[in-house]
Amino acid sequence: MPSNYEATRLRGNHTHEYPCGTSAVTQNVADRSTRIDDTWNSFDLTSSGMFMDGAFSLEGNFDEELLAITIEGDLTIGGGIPKINIRRLDWSIEGANSFPGQVRISGKVYGVDDRSFSFDLIVDD
């Protein structure tokens, strides 16, 4: 059975159509990266009123020990929380395939004020 990445890769480039917009998925087999270009209009994420809105891209590399993702563009997150406008979000998870165990999640949010974050998390399943 292929890994999640392999199963997705086998599907090839494709586009998801939603009532609130589109997500175009492009995969680079050579470096195992995936890029998703999103154009969303008040995409209700959880049917709870929290939404994401804008034209932005999500790009990531997926390997055995590091999951790294960059979100860049015009992204607004709102709903049950104060509205947040983000230009770019970089984050990574180290040790993502070493369960059970400790993983480190770190990154930086770029907006009006830039904020860095880093924390350890114990994952047991």
Protein backbone atom coordinates (compact mmCIF):
# COMPACT_ATOMS: atom_id res chain seq x y z
CA MET A 1 0.00 0.00 0.00
CA PRO A 2 1.50 3.40 -0.93
CA SER A 3 2.16 6.12 1.65
CA ASN A 4 -0.25 9.08 1.82
CA TYR A 5 2.15 11.11 -0.33
CA GLU A 6 2.52 8.30 -2.86
CA ALA A 7 -1.25 7.84 -3.07
CA THR A 8 -1.69 11.57 -3.68
CA ARG A 9 1.19 11.66 -6.16
CA LEU A 10 -0.36 8.86 -8.17
CA ARG A 11 -3.40 11.05 -8.73
CA GLY A 12 -1.29 13.71 -10.48
CA ASN A 13 -2.13 17.37 -10.91
CA HIS A 14 -5.81 18.13 -10.35
CA THR A 15 -8.27 20.80 -9.25
CA HIS A 16 -10.89 20.65 -6.49
CA GLU A 17 -14.06 22.68 -7.12
CA TYR A 18 -15.96 23.82 -4.02
CA PRO A 19 -19.05 26.03 -3.67
CA CYS A 20 -16.72 28.61 -2.09
CA GLY A 21 -13.86 28.42 -4.62
CA THR A 22 -11.14 26.22 -6.07
CA SER A 23 -7.91 24.50 -5.03
CA ALA A 24 -5.51 23.57 -7.85
CA VAL A 25 -2.98 20.89 -6.81
CA THR A 26 0.38 20.68 -8.62
CA GLN A 27 2.94 18.04 -7.65
CA ASN A 28 6.67 17.96 -8.31
CA VAL A 29 7.75 14.31 -8.22
CA ALA A 30 11.47 15.19 -8.39
CA ASP A 31 11.60 16.96 -5.01
CA ARG A 32 8.39 15.47 -3.52
CA SER A 33 6.83 18.92 -3.12
CA THR A 34 3.18 19.83 -3.57
CA ARG A 35 1.75 23.27 -4.34
CA ILE A 36 -1.91 24.14 -3.87
CA ASP A 37 -3.19 27.41 -5.33
CA ASP A 38 -6.40 28.40 -3.58
CA THR A 39 -9.05 30.98 -4.43
CA TRP A 40 -11.63 30.87 -1.67
CA ASN A 41 -14.60 33.06 -0.82
CA SER A 42 -15.56 32.68 2.86
CA PHE A 43 -14.69 28.96 2.99
CA ASP A 44 -16.40 27.67 6.18
CA LEU A 45 -13.78 25.22 7.47
CA THR A 46 -15.65 23.36 10.15
CA SER A 47 -19.32 24.35 9.73
CA SER A 48 -18.83 26.33 12.93
CA GLY A 49 -18.51 29.79 11.44
CA MET A 50 -14.71 29.88 11.22
CA PHE A 51 -13.70 30.80 7.68
CA MET A 52 -10.73 31.31 5.36
CA ASP A 53 -10.94 33.77 2.49
CA GLY A 54 -8.54 34.97 -0.22
CA ALA A 55 -6.18 33.99 -3.01
CA PHE A 56 -3.13 32.21 -1.61
CA SER A 57 -0.80 29.29 -2.18
CA LEU A 58 0.29 26.48 0.09
CA GLU A 59 3.57 24.77 -0.77
CA GLY A 60 5.20 21.92 1.10
CA ASN A 61 7.93 19.32 1.11
CA PHE A 62 7.22 16.00 2.70
CA ASP A 63 9.98 13.65 3.79
CA GLU A 64 10.56 11.12 6.54
CA GLU A 65 11.66 13.51 9.31
CA LEU A 66 10.55 17.03 8.35
CA LEU A 67 7.20 18.36 7.18
CA ALA A 68 7.62 21.97 6.01
CA ILE A 69 4.82 24.13 4.65
CA THR A 70 4.63 27.75 3.47
CA ILE A 71 1.34 29.58 2.99
CA GLU A 72 1.70 32.84 1.05
CA GLY A 73 -0.68 35.35 -0.49
CA ASP A 74 -3.80 37.21 0.59
CA LEU A 75 -5.34 35.07 3.34
CA THR A 76 -7.94 36.17 5.88
CA ILE A 77 -9.02 33.91 8.75
CA GLY A 78 -12.09 34.92 10.74
CA GLY A 79 -15.37 33.85 12.25
CA GLY A 80 -15.50 32.91 15.93
CA ILE A 81 -12.07 34.51 16.40
CA PRO A 82 -10.84 38.03 15.66
CA LYS A 83 -10.18 38.42 11.92
CA ILE A 84 -6.51 37.82 11.03
CA ASN A 85 -4.85 38.92 7.79
CA ILE A 86 -1.76 36.88 6.93
CA ARG A 87 0.76 37.56 4.15
CA ARG A 88 2.81 34.46 4.79
CA LEU A 89 3.01 31.56 7.24
CA ASP A 90 6.04 29.24 7.42
CA TRP A 91 5.88 26.21 9.66
CA SER A 92 7.61 22.90 10.05
CA ILE A 93 7.28 19.73 12.08
CA GLU A 94 10.49 17.86 12.94
CA GLY A 95 10.24 14.18 13.83
CA ALA A 96 6.84 13.85 12.16
CA ASN A 97 7.25 10.12 11.52
CA SER A 98 8.68 9.10 14.88
CA PHE A 99 5.50 8.14 16.72
CA PRO A 100 5.22 7.72 19.60
CA GLY A 101 7.60 10.46 20.60
CA GLN A 102 8.31 14.15 20.69
CA VAL A 103 7.92 16.45 17.69
CA ARG A 104 8.99 20.08 17.38
CA ILE A 105 6.61 22.50 15.67
CA SER A 106 8.06 25.88 14.74
CA GLY A 107 7.57 28.71 12.30
CA LYS A 108 6.78 32.35 11.68
CA VAL A 109 3.59 34.27 10.86
CA TYR A 110 4.10 37.36 8.68
CA GLY A 111 1.50 40.11 8.85
CA VAL A 112 1.25 43.60 10.33
CA ASP A 113 3.43 42.27 13.16
CA ASP A 114 5.66 39.24 12.53
CA ARG A 115 5.46 36.47 15.16
CA SER A 116 7.68 33.43 15.62
CA PHE A 117 6.59 30.29 17.42
CA SER A 118 8.19 27.05 18.55
CA PHE A 119 7.01 24.29 20.86
CA ASP A 120 7.46 20.59 21.57
CA LEU A 121 4.58 18.17 21.50
CA ILE A 122 4.44 14.57 22.74
CA VAL A 123 2.56 12.42 20.20
CA ASP A 124 1.52 8.91 21.13
CA ASP A 125 -0.68 7.89 18.18
